[in-house]
Amino acid sequence: MYFALAGLLFLAFVGNVVSGSIDGTAILSNVQEMLLLFAASIIFSAAILIAEAKAKSKNEKTD
C-alpha cells in the first residue's frame, strides 16, 4: 500500500513536470513540487523499512 501511494505521488510529480515542459505552465508551484517529491520520498522510505522489518521477522521465525 505504501509503495502504491509513493508511486502515485511520484506519478503526480512527473505529470506536473511533463505538463510544465509541454505547455510552459506547471500546475504546481516550485514549493508544492518540492513538498510532493519530499512526501513521495518519505513514504517510499517508510515502505522500504516496513518491508525489511517484515522480511527480517519472517526469517527469524523460520530459523
PDB file of N, CA and C in Angstrom:
ATOM      1  N   MET A   1       0.818  -1.187   0.000  1.00  0.00           N
ATOM      2  CA  MET A   1       0.000   0.000   0.000  1.00  0.00           C
ATOM      3  C   MET A   1       0.867   1.259   0.000  1.00  0.00           C
ATOM      4  N   TYR A   2       1.929   1.244   0.810  1.00  0.00           N
ATOM      5  CA  TYR A   2       2.802   2.414   0.865  1.00  0.00           C
ATOM      6  C   TYR A   2       3.549   2.612  -0.451  1.00  0.00           C
ATOM      7  N   PHE A   3       3.938   1.493  -1.082  1.00  0.00           N
ATOM      8  CA  PHE A   3       4.614   1.606  -2.372  1.00  0.00           C
ATOM      9  C   PHE A   3       3.684   2.223  -3.411  1.00  0.00           C
ATOM     10  N   ALA A   4       2.425   1.835  -3.392  1.00  0.00           N
ATOM     11  CA  ALA A   4       1.454   2.383  -4.341  1.00  0.00           C
ATOM     12  C   ALA A   4       1.237   3.873  -4.099  1.00  0.00           C
ATOM     13  N   LEU A   5       1.157   4.265  -2.845  1.00  0.00           N
ATOM     14  CA  LEU A   5       0.973   5.679  -2.524  1.00  0.00           C
ATOM     15  C   LEU A   5       2.185   6.497  -2.951  1.00  0.00           C
ATOM     16  N   ALA A   6       3.381   5.983  -2.683  1.00  0.00           N
ATOM     17  CA  ALA A   6       4.598   6.678  -3.104  1.00  0.00           C
ATOM     18  C   ALA A   6       4.655   6.776  -4.625  1.00  0.00           C
ATOM     19  N   GLY A   7       4.276   5.700  -5.302  1.00  0.00           N
ATOM     20  CA  GLY A   7       4.256   5.723  -6.760  1.00  0.00           C
ATOM     21  C   GLY A   7       3.252   6.716  -7.313  1.00  0.00           C
ATOM     22  N   LEU A   8       2.106   6.803  -6.671  1.00  0.00           N
ATOM     23  CA  LEU A   8       1.079   7.752  -7.099  1.00  0.00           C
ATOM     24  C   LEU A   8       1.558   9.193  -6.926  1.00  0.00           C
ATOM     25  N   LEU A   9       2.188   9.481  -5.801  1.00  0.00           N
ATOM     26  CA  LEU A   9       2.710  10.830  -5.578  1.00  0.00           C
ATOM     27  C   LEU A   9       3.819  11.162  -6.574  1.00  0.00           C
ATOM     28  N   PHE A  10       4.688  10.182  -6.843  1.00  0.00           N
ATOM     29  CA  PHE A  10       5.755  10.416  -7.811  1.00  0.00           C
ATOM     30  C   PHE A  10       5.186  10.602  -9.213  1.00  0.00           C
ATOM     31  N   LEU A  11       4.146   9.847  -9.534  1.00  0.00           N
ATOM     32  CA  LEU A  11       3.494  10.000 -10.831  1.00  0.00           C
ATOM     33  C   LEU A  11       2.872  11.394 -10.968  1.00  0.00           C
ATOM     34  N   ALA A  12       2.311  11.914  -9.884  1.00  0.00           N
ATOM     35  CA  ALA A  12       1.765  13.276  -9.903  1.00  0.00           C
ATOM     36  C   ALA A  12       2.879  14.291 -10.130  1.00  0.00           C
ATOM     37  N   PHE A  13       4.036  14.062  -9.511  1.00  0.00           N
ATOM     38  CA  PHE A  13       5.186  14.946  -9.706  1.00  0.00           C
ATOM     39  C   PHE A  13       5.640  14.924 -11.165  1.00  0.00           C
ATOM     40  N   VAL A  14       5.788  13.720 -11.715  1.00  0.00           N
ATOM     41  CA  VAL A  14       6.225  13.587 -13.110  1.00  0.00           C
ATOM     42  C   VAL A  14       5.196  14.212 -14.052  1.00  0.00           C
ATOM     43  N   GLY A  15       3.924  14.005 -13.766  1.00  0.00           N
ATOM     44  CA  GLY A  15       2.880  14.613 -14.584  1.00  0.00           C
ATOM     45  C   GLY A  15       2.950  16.126 -14.578  1.00  0.00           C
ATOM     46  N   ASN A  16       3.244  16.699 -13.428  1.00  0.00           N
ATOM     47  CA  ASN A  16       3.380  18.146 -13.330  1.00  0.00           C
ATOM     48  C   ASN A  16       4.587  18.635 -14.125  1.00  0.00           C
ATOM     49  N   VAL A  17       5.696  17.907 -14.048  1.00  0.00           N
ATOM     50  CA  VAL A  17       6.900  18.292 -14.791  1.00  0.00           C
ATOM     51  C   VAL A  17       6.647  18.199 -16.296  1.00  0.00           C
ATOM     52  N   VAL A  18       6.006  17.122 -16.725  1.00  0.00           N
ATOM     53  CA  VAL A  18       5.705  16.959 -18.154  1.00  0.00           C
ATOM     54  C   VAL A  18       4.738  18.040 -18.617  1.00  0.00           C
ATOM     55  N   SER A  19       3.735  18.318 -17.815  1.00  0.00           N
ATOM     56  CA  SER A  19       2.780  19.374 -18.153  1.00  0.00           C
ATOM     57  C   SER A  19       3.476  20.726 -18.279  1.00  0.00           C
ATOM     58  N   GLY A  20       4.397  20.986 -17.375  1.00  0.00           N
ATOM     59  CA  GLY A  20       5.133  22.244 -17.435  1.00  0.00           C
ATOM     60  C   GLY A  20       6.043  22.338 -18.639  1.00  0.00           C
ATOM     61  N   SER A  21       6.628  21.214 -19.045  1.00  0.00           N
ATOM     62  CA  SER A  21       7.528  21.261 -20.198  1.00  0.00           C
ATOM     63  C   SER A  21       6.765  21.353 -21.519  1.00  0.00           C
ATOM     64  N   ILE A  22       5.562  20.812 -21.569  1.00  0.00           N
ATOM     65  CA  ILE A  22       4.775  20.870 -22.807  1.00  0.00           C
ATOM     66  C   ILE A  22       4.097  22.231 -22.960  1.00  0.00           C
ATOM     67  N   ASP A  23       3.367  22.641 -21.932  1.00  0.00           N
ATOM     68  CA  ASP A  23       2.595  23.885 -22.001  1.00  0.00           C
ATOM     69  C   ASP A  23       3.397  25.116 -21.601  1.00  0.00           C
ATOM     70  N   GLY A  24       4.395  24.932 -20.794  1.00  0.00           N
ATOM     71  CA  GLY A  24       5.123  26.064 -20.253  1.00  0.00           C
ATOM     72  C   GLY A  24       4.505  26.580 -18.967  1.00  0.00           C
ATOM     73  N   THR A  25       3.384  26.002 -18.561  1.00  0.00           N
ATOM     74  CA  THR A  25       2.742  26.392 -17.307  1.00  0.00           C
ATOM     75  C   THR A  25       2.526  25.144 -16.459  1.00  0.00           C
ATOM     76  N   ALA A  26       3.236  25.066 -15.367  1.00  0.00           N
ATOM     77  CA  ALA A  26       3.092  23.929 -14.461  1.00  0.00           C
ATOM     78  C   ALA A  26       1.874  24.144 -13.573  1.00  0.00           C
ATOM     79  N   ILE A  27       1.281  23.057 -13.138  1.00  0.00           N
ATOM     80  CA  ILE A  27       0.101  23.130 -12.277  1.00  0.00           C
ATOM     81  C   ILE A  27       0.505  23.554 -10.871  1.00  0.00           C
ATOM     82  N   LEU A  28       1.609  22.997 -10.385  1.00  0.00           N
ATOM     83  CA  LEU A  28       2.075  23.273  -9.031  1.00  0.00           C
ATOM     84  C   LEU A  28       3.218  24.284  -9.046  1.00  0.00           C
ATOM     85  N   SER A  29       3.361  25.008  -7.942  1.00  0.00           N
ATOM     86  CA  SER A  29       4.494  25.922  -7.809  1.00  0.00           C
ATOM     87  C   SER A  29       5.744  25.126  -7.448  1.00  0.00           C
ATOM     88  N   ASN A  30       6.879  25.794  -7.405  1.00  0.00           N
ATOM     89  CA  ASN A  30       8.135  25.121  -7.064  1.00  0.00           C
ATOM     90  C   ASN A  30       8.093  24.525  -5.665  1.00  0.00           C
ATOM     91  N   VAL A  31       7.519  25.252  -4.723  1.00  0.00           N
ATOM     92  CA  VAL A  31       7.441  24.760  -3.345  1.00  0.00           C
ATOM     93  C   VAL A  31       6.507  23.558  -3.267  1.00  0.00           C
ATOM     94  N   GLN A  32       5.398  23.617  -3.952  1.00  0.00           N
ATOM     95  CA  GLN A  32       4.469  22.487  -3.961  1.00  0.00           C
ATOM     96  C   GLN A  32       5.094  21.256  -4.608  1.00  0.00           C
ATOM     97  N   GLU A  33       5.870  21.458  -5.680  1.00  0.00           N
ATOM     98  CA  GLU A  33       6.595  20.344  -6.301  1.00  0.00           C
ATOM     99  C   GLU A  33       7.569  19.717  -5.318  1.00  0.00           C
ATOM    100  N   MET A  34       8.294  20.565  -4.601  1.00  0.00           N
ATOM    101  CA  MET A  34       9.270  20.080  -3.632  1.00  0.00           C
ATOM    102  C   MET A  34       8.591  19.286  -2.527  1.00  0.00           C
ATOM    103  N   LEU A  35       7.472  19.778  -2.030  1.00  0.00           N
ATOM    104  CA  LEU A  35       6.752  19.072  -0.976  1.00  0.00           C
ATOM    105  C   LEU A  35       6.180  17.748  -1.472  1.00  0.00           C
ATOM    106  N   LEU A  36       5.718  17.719  -2.708  1.00  0.00           N
ATOM    107  CA  LEU A  36       5.192  16.489  -3.296  1.00  0.00           C
ATOM    108  C   LEU A  36       6.289  15.437  -3.431  1.00  0.00           C
ATOM    109  N   LEU A  37       7.449  15.839  -3.930  1.00  0.00           N
ATOM    110  CA  LEU A  37       8.565  14.905  -4.070  1.00  0.00           C
ATOM    111  C   LEU A  37       9.093  14.476  -2.706  1.00  0.00           C
ATOM    112  N   PHE A  38       9.101  15.383  -1.748  1.00  0.00           N
ATOM    113  CA  PHE A  38       9.535  15.052  -0.385  1.00  0.00           C
ATOM    114  C   PHE A  38       8.591  14.023   0.240  1.00  0.00           C
ATOM    115  N   ALA A  39       7.294  14.221   0.073  1.00  0.00           N
ATOM    116  CA  ALA A  39       6.316  13.272   0.622  1.00  0.00           C
ATOM    117  C   ALA A  39       6.465  11.902  -0.029  1.00  0.00           C
ATOM    118  N   ALA A  40       6.672  11.873  -1.338  1.00  0.00           N
ATOM    119  CA  ALA A  40       6.871  10.594  -2.032  1.00  0.00           C
ATOM    120  C   ALA A  40       8.121   9.893  -1.518  1.00  0.00           C
ATOM    121  N   SER A  41       9.182  10.648  -1.281  1.00  0.00           N
ATOM    122  CA  SER A  41      10.432  10.064  -0.780  1.00  0.00           C
ATOM    123  C   SER A  41      10.270   9.511   0.626  1.00  0.00           C
ATOM    124  N   ILE A  42       9.597  10.247   1.489  1.00  0.00           N
ATOM    125  CA  ILE A  42       9.390   9.801   2.868  1.00  0.00           C
ATOM    126  C   ILE A  42       8.526   8.541   2.901  1.00  0.00           C
ATOM    127  N   ILE A  43       7.451   8.530   2.134  1.00  0.00           N
ATOM    128  CA  ILE A  43       6.568   7.361   2.118  1.00  0.00           C
ATOM    129  C   ILE A  43       7.278   6.155   1.522  1.00  0.00           C
ATOM    130  N   PHE A  44       8.085   6.365   0.478  1.00  0.00           N
ATOM    131  CA  PHE A  44       8.843   5.260  -0.102  1.00  0.00           C
ATOM    132  C   PHE A  44       9.851   4.712   0.900  1.00  0.00           C
ATOM    133  N   SER A  45      10.528   5.596   1.625  1.00  0.00           N
ATOM    134  CA  SER A  45      11.489   5.150   2.643  1.00  0.00           C
ATOM    135  C   SER A  45      10.793   4.357   3.740  1.00  0.00           C
ATOM    136  N   ALA A  46       9.632   4.810   4.160  1.00  0.00           N
ATOM    137  CA  ALA A  46       8.869   4.075   5.174  1.00  0.00           C
ATOM    138  C   ALA A  46       8.453   2.709   4.650  1.00  0.00           C
ATOM    139  N   ALA A  47       8.063   2.636   3.393  1.00  0.00           N
ATOM    140  CA  ALA A  47       7.664   1.356   2.799  1.00  0.00           C
ATOM    141  C   ALA A  47       8.832   0.385   2.756  1.00  0.00           C
ATOM    142  N   ILE A  48      10.013   0.872   2.426  1.00  0.00           N
ATOM    143  CA  ILE A  48      11.207   0.021   2.403  1.00  0.00           C
ATOM    144  C   ILE A  48      11.511  -0.497   3.801  1.00  0.00           C
ATOM    145  N   LEU A  49      11.454   0.375   4.797  1.00  0.00           N
ATOM    146  CA  LEU A  49      11.737  -0.043   6.175  1.00  0.00           C
ATOM    147  C   LEU A  49      10.717  -1.061   6.667  1.00  0.00           C
ATOM    148  N   ILE A  50       9.457  -0.873   6.335  1.00  0.00           N
ATOM    149  CA  ILE A  50       8.416  -1.828   6.735  1.00  0.00           C
ATOM    150  C   ILE A  50       8.643  -3.176   6.060  1.00  0.00           C
ATOM    151  N   ALA A  51       8.984  -3.160   4.770  1.00  0.00           N
ATOM    152  CA  ALA A  51       9.229  -4.410   4.047  1.00  0.00           C
ATOM    153  C   ALA A  51      10.436  -5.148   4.620  1.00  0.00           C
ATOM    154  N   GLU A  52      11.490  -4.409   4.974  1.00  0.00           N
ATOM    155  CA  GLU A  52      12.667  -5.038   5.575  1.00  0.00           C
ATOM    156  C   GLU A  52      12.340  -5.634   6.936  1.00  0.00           C
ATOM    157  N   ALA A  53      11.544  -4.933   7.729  1.00  0.00           N
ATOM    158  CA  ALA A  53      11.173  -5.448   9.051  1.00  0.00           C
ATOM    159  C   ALA A  53      10.341  -6.723   8.923  1.00  0.00           C
ATOM    160  N   LYS A  54       9.425  -6.751   7.963  1.00  0.00           N
ATOM    161  CA  LYS A  54       8.622  -7.957   7.747  1.00  0.00           C
ATOM    162  C   LYS A  54       9.489  -9.118   7.282  1.00  0.00           C
ATOM    163  N   ALA A  55      10.435  -8.852   6.396  1.00  0.00           N
ATOM    164  CA  ALA A  55      11.317  -9.912   5.904  1.00  0.00           C
ATOM    165  C   ALA A  55      12.210 -10.433   7.019  1.00  0.00           C
ATOM    166  N   LYS A  56      12.676  -9.537   7.869  1.00  0.00           N
ATOM    167  CA  LYS A  56      13.538  -9.947   8.979  1.00  0.00           C
ATOM    168  C   LYS A  56      12.757 -10.801   9.973  1.00  0.00           C
ATOM    169  N   SER A  57      11.534 -10.392  10.302  1.00  0.00           N
ATOM    170  CA  SER A  57      10.741 -11.174  11.251  1.00  0.00           C
ATOM    171  C   SER A  57      10.349 -12.527  10.657  1.00  0.00           C
ATOM    172  N   LYS A  58      10.141 -12.574   9.351  1.00  0.00           N
ATOM    173  CA  LYS A  58       9.823 -13.837   8.694  1.00  0.00           C
ATOM    174  C   LYS A  58      11.030 -14.778   8.728  1.00  0.00           C
ATOM    175  N   ASN A  59      12.229 -14.232   8.528  1.00  0.00           N
ATOM    176  CA  ASN A  59      13.448 -15.045   8.578  1.00  0.00           C
ATOM    177  C   ASN A  59      13.729 -15.550   9.983  1.00  0.00           C
ATOM    178  N   GLU A  60      13.425 -14.745  10.991  1.00  0.00           N
ATOM    179  CA  GLU A  60      13.658 -15.162  12.377  1.00  0.00           C
ATOM    180  C   GLU A  60      12.704 -16.283  12.775  1.00  0.00           C
ATOM    181  N   LYS A  61      11.489 -16.278  12.239  1.00  0.00           N
ATOM    182  CA  LYS A  61      10.518 -17.323  12.568  1.00  0.00           C
ATOM    183  C   LYS A  61      10.914 -18.662  11.956  1.00  0.00           C
ATOM    184  N   THR A  62      11.555 -18.637  10.792  1.00  0.00           N
ATOM    185  CA  THR A  62      11.940 -19.889  10.136  1.00  0.00           C
ATOM    186  C   THR A  62      13.222 -20.473  10.708  1.00  0.00           C
ATOM    187  N   ASP A  63      14.018 -19.681  11.402  1.00  0.00           N
ATOM    188  CA  ASP A  63      15.279 -20.185  11.984  1.00  0.00           C
ATOM    189  C   ASP A  63      15.070 -20.959  13.240  1.00  0.00           C
TER     190      ASP A  63
END
